Amino acid sequence: MTDAFTDYESKDDLVTRDYKSGEKEALLSYMRSFRYDAVAAGFFDDVVTGEMKIGIDYLAFDDGIFSWTSRDTYHVEHYDLAPRDEFLAAALAA
């Protein structure tokens, strides 16, 4: 399985993307269309604010090729986190 996103542990590691019209929405729709594979105990932090995101389950997903987490989905939605090009292409082709 390939990570859909490069690793980011801090705000300085966060790679963002200037999404074209409709790309971000299509990517988020794709990411949310899968049932989770695993649930982690605990919550994740917003890497920009440092705030713990209590109430958002830390879930793992995969499409058979790429893997991602609810943390990734959150950071795409709120900060335009950039996926690997191959993952974005797969999401847009779906």
PDB file of N, CA and C in Angstrom:
ATOM      1  N   MET A   1       0.842  -1.172   0.000  1.00  0.00           N
ATOM      2  CA  MET A   1       0.000   0.000   0.000  1.00  0.00           C
ATOM      3  C   MET A   1       0.894   1.245   0.000  1.00  0.00           C
ATOM      4  N   THR A   2       0.528   2.239  -0.757  1.00  0.00           N
ATOM      5  CA  THR A   2       1.277   3.488  -0.843  1.00  0.00           C
ATOM      6  C   THR A   2       0.536   4.580  -0.086  1.00  0.00           C
ATOM      7  N   ASP A   3       1.252   5.356   0.706  1.00  0.00           N
ATOM      8  CA  ASP A   3       0.623   6.488   1.384  1.00  0.00           C
ATOM      9  C   ASP A   3       0.121   7.479   0.343  1.00  0.00           C
ATOM     10  N   ALA A   4      -1.112   7.930   0.511  1.00  0.00           N
ATOM     11  CA  ALA A   4      -1.703   8.888  -0.417  1.00  0.00           C
ATOM     12  C   ALA A   4      -1.115  10.291  -0.248  1.00  0.00           C
ATOM     13  N   PHE A   5      -0.495  10.534   0.907  1.00  0.00           N
ATOM     14  CA  PHE A   5       0.065  11.844   1.229  1.00  0.00           C
ATOM     15  C   PHE A   5       1.473  11.663   1.781  1.00  0.00           C
ATOM     16  N   THR A   6       2.323  12.664   1.570  1.00  0.00           N
ATOM     17  CA  THR A   6       3.635  12.631   2.207  1.00  0.00           C
ATOM     18  C   THR A   6       3.444  12.919   3.694  1.00  0.00           C
ATOM     19  N   ASP A   7       4.358  12.433   4.504  1.00  0.00           N
ATOM     20  CA  ASP A   7       4.242  12.575   5.949  1.00  0.00           C
ATOM     21  C   ASP A   7       4.343  14.044   6.359  1.00  0.00           C
ATOM     22  N   TYR A   8       3.521  14.438   7.305  1.00  0.00           N
ATOM     23  CA  TYR A   8       3.562  15.799   7.838  1.00  0.00           C
ATOM     24  C   TYR A   8       3.318  15.730   9.347  1.00  0.00           C
ATOM     25  N   GLU A   9       4.304  16.159  10.091  1.00  0.00           N
ATOM     26  CA  GLU A   9       4.207  16.131  11.554  1.00  0.00           C
ATOM     27  C   GLU A   9       4.058  17.526  12.144  1.00  0.00           C
ATOM     28  N   SER A  10       4.326  18.538  11.339  1.00  0.00           N
ATOM     29  CA  SER A  10       4.203  19.909  11.828  1.00  0.00           C
ATOM     30  C   SER A  10       3.709  20.800  10.695  1.00  0.00           C
ATOM     31  N   LYS A  11       3.367  22.018  11.052  1.00  0.00           N
ATOM     32  CA  LYS A  11       2.909  22.998  10.076  1.00  0.00           C
ATOM     33  C   LYS A  11       3.950  23.190   8.975  1.00  0.00           C
ATOM     34  N   ASP A  12       5.219  23.121   9.333  1.00  0.00           N
ATOM     35  CA  ASP A  12       6.297  23.319   8.357  1.00  0.00           C
ATOM     36  C   ASP A  12       6.387  22.185   7.341  1.00  0.00           C
ATOM     37  N   ASP A  13       5.872  21.007   7.701  1.00  0.00           N
ATOM     38  CA  ASP A  13       5.901  19.841   6.814  1.00  0.00           C
ATOM     39  C   ASP A  13       4.700  19.782   5.869  1.00  0.00           C
ATOM     40  N   LEU A  14       3.694  20.606   6.123  1.00  0.00           N
ATOM     41  CA  LEU A  14       2.431  20.536   5.388  1.00  0.00           C
ATOM     42  C   LEU A  14       2.617  21.052   3.964  1.00  0.00           C
ATOM     43  N   VAL A  15       2.436  20.166   2.984  1.00  0.00           N
ATOM     44  CA  VAL A  15       2.534  20.544   1.577  1.00  0.00           C
ATOM     45  C   VAL A  15       1.116  20.775   1.075  1.00  0.00           C
ATOM     46  N   THR A  16       0.855  21.985   0.584  1.00  0.00           N
ATOM     47  CA  THR A  16      -0.492  22.321   0.126  1.00  0.00           C
ATOM     48  C   THR A  16      -0.542  22.391  -1.397  1.00  0.00           C
ATOM     49  N   ARG A  17      -1.764  22.469  -1.894  1.00  0.00           N
ATOM     50  CA  ARG A  17      -1.983  22.483  -3.338  1.00  0.00           C
ATOM     51  C   ARG A  17      -3.014  23.555  -3.665  1.00  0.00           C
ATOM     52  N   ASP A  18      -2.819  24.217  -4.778  1.00  0.00           N
ATOM     53  CA  ASP A  18      -3.812  25.151  -5.297  1.00  0.00           C
ATOM     54  C   ASP A  18      -4.718  24.334  -6.222  1.00  0.00           C
ATOM     55  N   TYR A  19      -5.797  23.808  -5.650  1.00  0.00           N
ATOM     56  CA  TYR A  19      -6.683  22.920  -6.399  1.00  0.00           C
ATOM     57  C   TYR A  19      -7.414  23.673  -7.497  1.00  0.00           C
ATOM     58  N   LYS A  20      -7.571  23.030  -8.655  1.00  0.00           N
ATOM     59  CA  LYS A  20      -8.392  23.570  -9.731  1.00  0.00           C
ATOM     60  C   LYS A  20      -9.852  23.408  -9.335  1.00  0.00           C
ATOM     61  N   SER A  21     -10.718  24.109 -10.019  1.00  0.00           N
ATOM     62  CA  SER A  21     -12.150  24.068  -9.724  1.00  0.00           C
ATOM     63  C   SER A  21     -12.672  22.631  -9.735  1.00  0.00           C
ATOM     64  N   GLY A  22     -13.275  22.224  -8.642  1.00  0.00           N
ATOM     65  CA  GLY A  22     -13.876  20.899  -8.537  1.00  0.00           C
ATOM     66  C   GLY A  22     -12.945  19.799  -8.068  1.00  0.00           C
ATOM     67  N   GLU A  23     -11.630  20.025  -8.125  1.00  0.00           N
ATOM     68  CA  GLU A  23     -10.683  18.966  -7.742  1.00  0.00           C
ATOM     69  C   GLU A  23     -10.771  18.600  -6.262  1.00  0.00           C
ATOM     70  N   LYS A  24     -10.770  19.607  -5.422  1.00  0.00           N
ATOM     71  CA  LYS A  24     -10.785  19.349  -3.983  1.00  0.00           C
ATOM     72  C   LYS A  24     -12.069  18.628  -3.581  1.00  0.00           C
ATOM     73  N   GLU A  25     -13.189  19.060  -4.115  1.00  0.00           N
ATOM     74  CA  GLU A  25     -14.471  18.434  -3.803  1.00  0.00           C
ATOM     75  C   GLU A  25     -14.495  16.986  -4.274  1.00  0.00           C
ATOM     76  N   ALA A  26     -13.965  16.730  -5.474  1.00  0.00           N
ATOM     77  CA  ALA A  26     -13.919  15.362  -6.004  1.00  0.00           C
ATOM     78  C   ALA A  26     -12.996  14.488  -5.163  1.00  0.00           C
ATOM     79  N   LEU A  27     -11.861  15.038  -4.760  1.00  0.00           N
ATOM     80  CA  LEU A  27     -10.925  14.292  -3.921  1.00  0.00           C
ATOM     81  C   LEU A  27     -11.567  13.947  -2.582  1.00  0.00           C
ATOM     82  N   LEU A  28     -12.182  14.924  -1.931  1.00  0.00           N
ATOM     83  CA  LEU A  28     -12.829  14.670  -0.643  1.00  0.00           C
ATOM     84  C   LEU A  28     -13.958  13.654  -0.776  1.00  0.00           C
ATOM     85  N   SER A  29     -14.721  13.751  -1.835  1.00  0.00           N
ATOM     86  CA  SER A  29     -15.800  12.789  -2.068  1.00  0.00           C
ATOM     87  C   SER A  29     -15.240  11.378  -2.209  1.00  0.00           C
ATOM     88  N   TYR A  30     -14.164  11.245  -2.963  1.00  0.00           N
ATOM     89  CA  TYR A  30     -13.515   9.942  -3.141  1.00  0.00           C
ATOM     90  C   TYR A  30     -13.015   9.406  -1.809  1.00  0.00           C
ATOM     91  N   MET A  31     -12.318  10.243  -1.063  1.00  0.00           N
ATOM     92  CA  MET A  31     -11.747   9.815   0.214  1.00  0.00           C
ATOM     93  C   MET A  31     -12.831   9.371   1.197  1.00  0.00           C
ATOM     94  N   ARG A  32     -13.968  10.043   1.160  1.00  0.00           N
ATOM     95  CA  ARG A  32     -15.062   9.733   2.093  1.00  0.00           C
ATOM     96  C   ARG A  32     -15.947   8.587   1.620  1.00  0.00           C
ATOM     97  N   SER A  33     -15.711   8.088   0.425  1.00  0.00           N
ATOM     98  CA  SER A  33     -16.579   7.039  -0.123  1.00  0.00           C
ATOM     99  C   SER A  33     -16.201   5.637   0.344  1.00  0.00           C
ATOM    100  N   PHE A  34     -15.091   5.504   1.055  1.00  0.00           N
ATOM    101  CA  PHE A  34     -14.618   4.190   1.495  1.00  0.00           C
ATOM    102  C   PHE A  34     -14.940   3.956   2.960  1.00  0.00           C
ATOM    103  N   ARG A  35     -15.189   2.691   3.268  1.00  0.00           N
ATOM    104  CA  ARG A  35     -15.390   2.293   4.662  1.00  0.00           C
ATOM    105  C   ARG A  35     -14.012   2.173   5.307  1.00  0.00           C
ATOM    106  N   TYR A  36     -13.922   2.542   6.555  1.00  0.00           N
ATOM    107  CA  TYR A  36     -12.630   2.504   7.241  1.00  0.00           C
ATOM    108  C   TYR A  36     -12.149   1.075   7.461  1.00  0.00           C
ATOM    109  N   ASP A  37     -10.823   0.906   7.488  1.00  0.00           N
ATOM    110  CA  ASP A  37     -10.168  -0.385   7.727  1.00  0.00           C
ATOM    111  C   ASP A  37      -9.825  -0.577   9.191  1.00  0.00           C
ATOM    112  N   ALA A  38      -9.494   0.527   9.846  1.00  0.00           N
ATOM    113  CA  ALA A  38      -9.027   0.453  11.234  1.00  0.00           C
ATOM    114  C   ALA A  38      -9.391   1.733  11.968  1.00  0.00           C
ATOM    115  N   VAL A  39      -9.484   1.596  13.281  1.00  0.00           N
ATOM    116  CA  VAL A  39      -9.750   2.733  14.159  1.00  0.00           C
ATOM    117  C   VAL A  39      -8.595   2.834  15.144  1.00  0.00           C
ATOM    118  N   ALA A  40      -8.032   4.012  15.279  1.00  0.00           N
ATOM    119  CA  ALA A  40      -6.954   4.222  16.253  1.00  0.00           C
ATOM    120  C   ALA A  40      -7.547   4.740  17.556  1.00  0.00           C
ATOM    121  N   ALA A  41      -6.976   4.322  18.638  1.00  0.00           N
ATOM    122  CA  ALA A  41      -7.399   4.843  19.936  1.00  0.00           C
ATOM    123  C   ALA A  41      -6.903   6.276  20.067  1.00  0.00           C
ATOM    124  N   GLY A  42      -7.786   7.183  20.355  1.00  0.00           N
ATOM    125  CA  GLY A  42      -7.393   8.572  20.541  1.00  0.00           C
ATOM    126  C   GLY A  42      -7.795   9.448  19.378  1.00  0.00           C
ATOM    127  N   PHE A  43      -7.251  10.637  19.382  1.00  0.00           N
ATOM    128  CA  PHE A  43      -7.596  11.646  18.394  1.00  0.00           C
ATOM    129  C   PHE A  43      -6.313  12.178  17.757  1.00  0.00           C
ATOM    130  N   PHE A  44      -6.460  13.028  16.759  1.00  0.00           N
ATOM    131  CA  PHE A  44      -5.284  13.606  16.110  1.00  0.00           C
ATOM    132  C   PHE A  44      -5.251  15.114  16.342  1.00  0.00           C
ATOM    133  N   ASP A  45      -4.080  15.694  16.121  1.00  0.00           N
ATOM    134  CA  ASP A  45      -3.908  17.138  16.259  1.00  0.00           C
ATOM    135  C   ASP A  45      -3.984  17.813  14.902  1.00  0.00           C
ATOM    136  N   ASP A  46      -4.564  19.002  14.890  1.00  0.00           N
ATOM    137  CA  ASP A  46      -4.501  19.894  13.742  1.00  0.00           C
ATOM    138  C   ASP A  46      -3.053  20.387  13.702  1.00  0.00           C
ATOM    139  N   VAL A  47      -2.324  20.082  12.628  1.00  0.00           N
ATOM    140  CA  VAL A  47      -0.898  20.428  12.607  1.00  0.00           C
ATOM    141  C   VAL A  47      -0.650  21.927  12.458  1.00  0.00           C
ATOM    142  N   VAL A  48      -1.653  22.682  12.061  1.00  0.00           N
ATOM    143  CA  VAL A  48      -1.487  24.130  11.930  1.00  0.00           C
ATOM    144  C   VAL A  48      -1.712  24.826  13.269  1.00  0.00           C
ATOM    145  N   THR A  49      -2.806  24.482  13.956  1.00  0.00           N
ATOM    146  CA  THR A  49      -3.141  25.154  15.217  1.00  0.00           C
ATOM    147  C   THR A  49      -2.614  24.422  16.445  1.00  0.00           C
ATOM    148  N   GLY A  50      -2.320  23.131  16.295  1.00  0.00           N
ATOM    149  CA  GLY A  50      -1.908  22.313  17.436  1.00  0.00           C
ATOM    150  C   GLY A  50      -3.077  21.808  18.257  1.00  0.00           C
ATOM    151  N   GLU A  51      -4.296  22.193  17.883  1.00  0.00           N
ATOM    152  CA  GLU A  51      -5.496  21.802  18.617  1.00  0.00           C
ATOM    153  C   GLU A  51      -5.802  20.318  18.414  1.00  0.00           C
ATOM    154  N   MET A  52      -6.074  19.619  19.517  1.00  0.00           N
ATOM    155  CA  MET A  52      -6.489  18.224  19.420  1.00  0.00           C
ATOM    156  C   MET A  52      -7.919  18.185  18.880  1.00  0.00           C
ATOM    157  N   LYS A  53      -8.160  17.382  17.867  1.00  0.00           N
ATOM    158  CA  LYS A  53      -9.468  17.317  17.222  1.00  0.00           C
ATOM    159  C   LYS A  53     -10.335  16.248  17.896  1.00  0.00           C
ATOM    160  N   ILE A  54     -10.773  16.568  19.088  1.00  0.00           N
ATOM    161  CA  ILE A  54     -11.647  15.675  19.849  1.00  0.00           C
ATOM    162  C   ILE A  54     -12.990  15.605  19.139  1.00  0.00           C
ATOM    163  N   GLY A  55     -13.507  14.410  19.018  1.00  0.00           N
ATOM    164  CA  GLY A  55     -14.795  14.222  18.361  1.00  0.00           C
ATOM    165  C   GLY A  55     -14.685  13.794  16.908  1.00  0.00           C
ATOM    166  N   ILE A  56     -13.482  13.815  16.363  1.00  0.00           N
ATOM    167  CA  ILE A  56     -13.258  13.301  15.010  1.00  0.00           C
ATOM    168  C   ILE A  56     -12.465  12.015  15.165  1.00  0.00           C
ATOM    169  N   ASP A  57     -13.086  10.895  14.840  1.00  0.00           N
ATOM    170  CA  ASP A  57     -12.412   9.605  14.983  1.00  0.00           C
ATOM    171  C   ASP A  57     -11.179   9.538  14.085  1.00  0.00           C
ATOM    172  N   TYR A  58     -10.136   8.887  14.584  1.00  0.00           N
ATOM    173  CA  TYR A  58      -8.904   8.694  13.817  1.00  0.00           C
ATOM    174  C   TYR A  58      -9.038   7.355  13.103  1.00  0.00           C
ATOM    175  N   LEU A  59      -9.407   7.404  11.826  1.00  0.00           N
ATOM    176  CA  LEU A  59      -9.721   6.213  11.038  1.00  0.00           C
ATOM    177  C   LEU A  59      -8.714   6.040   9.908  1.00  0.00           C
ATOM    178  N   ALA A  60      -8.488   4.793   9.509  1.00  0.00           N
ATOM    179  CA  ALA A  60      -7.602   4.476   8.384  1.00  0.00           C
ATOM    180  C   ALA A  60      -8.429   3.913   7.235  1.00  0.00           C
ATOM    181  N   PHE A  61      -8.082   4.317   6.023  1.00  0.00           N
ATOM    182  CA  PHE A  61      -8.797   3.910   4.815  1.00  0.00           C
ATOM    183  C   PHE A  61      -7.800   3.434   3.757  1.00  0.00           C
ATOM    184  N   ASP A  62      -8.299   2.667   2.790  1.00  0.00           N
ATOM    185  CA  ASP A  62      -7.495   2.370   1.603  1.00  0.00           C
ATOM    186  C   ASP A  62      -8.415   2.011   0.450  1.00  0.00           C
ATOM    187  N   ASP A  63      -7.887   2.207  -0.759  1.00  0.00           N
ATOM    188  CA  ASP A  63      -8.634   1.879  -1.971  1.00  0.00           C
ATOM    189  C   ASP A  63      -8.031   0.677  -2.696  1.00  0.00           C
ATOM    190  N   GLY A  64      -7.161  -0.049  -2.008  1.00  0.00           N
ATOM    191  CA  GLY A  64      -6.483  -1.189  -2.603  1.00  0.00           C
ATOM    192  C   GLY A  64      -5.110  -0.842  -3.147  1.00  0.00           C
ATOM    193  N   ILE A  65      -4.860   0.442  -3.350  1.00  0.00           N
ATOM    194  CA  ILE A  65      -3.564   0.913  -3.841  1.00  0.00           C
ATOM    195  C   ILE A  65      -2.968   1.940  -2.877  1.00  0.00           C
ATOM    196  N   PHE A  66      -3.780   2.909  -2.481  1.00  0.00           N
ATOM    197  CA  PHE A  66      -3.346   3.997  -1.608  1.00  0.00           C
ATOM    198  C   PHE A  66      -4.015   3.898  -0.248  1.00  0.00           C
ATOM    199  N   SER A  67      -3.333   4.411   0.767  1.00  0.00           N
ATOM    200  CA  SER A  67      -3.911   4.461   2.111  1.00  0.00           C
ATOM    201  C   SER A  67      -3.860   5.898   2.633  1.00  0.00           C
ATOM    202  N   TRP A  68      -4.837   6.237   3.484  1.00  0.00           N
ATOM    203  CA  TRP A  68      -4.917   7.560   4.086  1.00  0.00           C
ATOM    204  C   TRP A  68      -5.720   7.462   5.371  1.00  0.00           C
ATOM    205  N   THR A  69      -5.768   8.560   6.111  1.00  0.00           N
ATOM    206  CA  THR A  69      -6.488   8.579   7.377  1.00  0.00           C
ATOM    207  C   THR A  69      -7.483   9.738   7.407  1.00  0.00           C
ATOM    208  N   SER A  70      -8.334   9.713   8.418  1.00  0.00           N
ATOM    209  CA  SER A  70      -9.268  10.826   8.611  1.00  0.00           C
ATOM    210  C   SER A  70      -8.498  12.119   8.906  1.00  0.00           C
ATOM    211  N   ARG A  71      -7.311  12.000   9.448  1.00  0.00           N
ATOM    212  CA  ARG A  71      -6.439  13.166   9.665  1.00  0.00           C
ATOM    213  C   ARG A  71      -6.092  13.812   8.321  1.00  0.00           C
ATOM    214  N   ASP A  72      -5.782  12.991   7.321  1.00  0.00           N
ATOM    215  CA  ASP A  72      -5.491  13.512   5.983  1.00  0.00           C
ATOM    216  C   ASP A  72      -6.717  14.209   5.399  1.00  0.00           C
ATOM    217  N   THR A  73      -7.872  13.575   5.524  1.00  0.00           N
ATOM    218  CA  THR A  73      -9.113  14.161   5.008  1.00  0.00           C
ATOM    219  C   THR A  73      -9.353  15.526   5.643  1.00  0.00           C
ATOM    220  N   TYR A  74      -9.183  15.605   6.944  1.00  0.00           N
ATOM    221  CA  TYR A  74      -9.356  16.865   7.674  1.00  0.00           C
ATOM    222  C   TYR A  74      -8.423  17.946   7.121  1.00  0.00           C
ATOM    223  N   HIS A  75      -7.162  17.613   6.919  1.00  0.00           N
ATOM    224  CA  HIS A  75      -6.189  18.609   6.465  1.00  0.00           C
ATOM    225  C   HIS A  75      -6.379  18.986   4.991  1.00  0.00           C
ATOM    226  N   VAL A  76      -6.928  18.098   4.173  1.00  0.00           N
ATOM    227  CA  VAL A  76      -7.314  18.481   2.806  1.00  0.00           C
ATOM    228  C   VAL A  76      -8.435  19.506   2.892  1.00  0.00           C
ATOM    229  N   GLU A  77      -9.455  19.188   3.679  1.00  0.00           N
ATOM    230  CA  GLU A  77     -10.627  20.056   3.778  1.00  0.00           C
ATOM    231  C   GLU A  77     -10.284  21.445   4.326  1.00  0.00           C
ATOM    232  N   HIS A  78      -9.478  21.502   5.366  1.00  0.00           N
ATOM    233  CA  HIS A  78      -9.226  22.771   6.053  1.00  0.00           C
ATOM    234  C   HIS A  78      -8.001  23.537   5.562  1.00  0.00           C
ATOM    235  N   TYR A  79      -7.014  22.831   5.008  1.00  0.00           N
ATOM    236  CA  TYR A  79      -5.753  23.497   4.652  1.00  0.00           C
ATOM    237  C   TYR A  79      -5.240  23.165   3.254  1.00  0.00           C
ATOM    238  N   ASP A  80      -6.048  22.499   2.441  1.00  0.00           N
ATOM    239  CA  ASP A  80      -5.649  22.161   1.067  1.00  0.00           C
ATOM    240  C   ASP A  80      -4.401  21.288   1.004  1.00  0.00           C
ATOM    241  N   LEU A  81      -4.297  20.341   1.953  1.00  0.00           N
ATOM    242  CA  LEU A  81      -3.201  19.376   1.935  1.00  0.00           C
ATOM    243  C   LEU A  81      -3.101  18.744   0.550  1.00  0.00           C
ATOM    244  N   ALA A  82      -1.894  18.632   0.040  1.00  0.00           N
ATOM    245  CA  ALA A  82      -1.668  18.089  -1.304  1.00  0.00           C
ATOM    246  C   ALA A  82      -1.453  16.580  -1.253  1.00  0.00           C
ATOM    247  N   PRO A  83      -2.233  15.827  -2.030  1.00  0.00           N
ATOM    248  CA  PRO A  83      -1.990  14.387  -2.128  1.00  0.00           C
ATOM    249  C   PRO A  83      -0.872  14.111  -3.126  1.00  0.00           C
ATOM    250  N   ARG A  84      -0.435  12.877  -3.145  1.00  0.00           N
ATOM    251  CA  ARG A  84       0.478  12.460  -4.217  1.00  0.00           C
ATOM    252  C   ARG A  84      -0.285  12.601  -5.541  1.00  0.00           C
ATOM    253  N   ASP A  85       0.409  12.956  -6.592  1.00  0.00           N
ATOM    254  CA  ASP A  85      -0.230  13.163  -7.895  1.00  0.00           C
ATOM    255  C   ASP A  85      -1.000  11.933  -8.355  1.00  0.00           C
ATOM    256  N   GLU A  86      -0.441  10.754  -8.117  1.00  0.00           N
ATOM    257  CA  GLU A  86      -1.084   9.512  -8.558  1.00  0.00           C
ATOM    258  C   GLU A  86      -2.400   9.275  -7.820  1.00  0.00           C
ATOM    259  N   PHE A  87      -2.450   9.640  -6.550  1.00  0.00           N
ATOM    260  CA  PHE A  87      -3.684   9.482  -5.781  1.00  0.00           C
ATOM    261  C   PHE A  87      -4.745  10.465  -6.272  1.00  0.00           C
ATOM    262  N   LEU A  88      -4.363  11.700  -6.513  1.00  0.00           N
ATOM    263  CA  LEU A  88      -5.316  12.678  -7.039  1.00  0.00           C
ATOM    264  C   LEU A  88      -5.851  12.221  -8.390  1.00  0.00           C
ATOM    265  N   ALA A  89      -4.989  11.716  -9.247  1.00  0.00           N
ATOM    266  CA  ALA A  89      -5.426  11.230 -10.563  1.00  0.00           C
ATOM    267  C   ALA A  89      -6.424  10.088 -10.418  1.00  0.00           C
ATOM    268  N   ALA A  90      -6.169   9.164  -9.496  1.00  0.00           N
ATOM    269  CA  ALA A  90      -7.093   8.045  -9.265  1.00  0.00           C
ATOM    270  C   ALA A  90      -8.431   8.549  -8.754  1.00  0.00           C
ATOM    271  N   ALA A  91      -8.401   9.517  -7.852  1.00  0.00           N
ATOM    272  CA  ALA A  91      -9.639  10.069  -7.298  1.00  0.00           C
ATOM    273  C   ALA A  91     -10.445  10.791  -8.373  1.00  0.00           C
ATOM    274  N   LEU A  92      -9.782  11.547  -9.221  1.00  0.00           N
ATOM    275  CA  LEU A  92     -10.481  12.293 -10.265  1.00  0.00           C
ATOM    276  C   LEU A  92     -11.010  11.381 -11.364  1.00  0.00           C
ATOM    277  N   ALA A  93     -10.382  10.235 -11.554  1.00  0.00           N
ATOM    278  CA  ALA A  93     -10.819   9.287 -12.587  1.00  0.00           C
ATOM    279  C   ALA A  93     -11.973   8.408 -12.114  1.00  0.00           C
ATOM    280  N   ALA A  94     -12.213   8.377 -10.820  1.00  0.00           N
ATOM    281  CA  ALA A  94     -13.246   7.479 -10.254  1.00  0.00           C
ATOM    282  C   ALA A  94     -14.648   7.979 -10.565  1.00  0.00           C
TER     283      ALA A  94
END
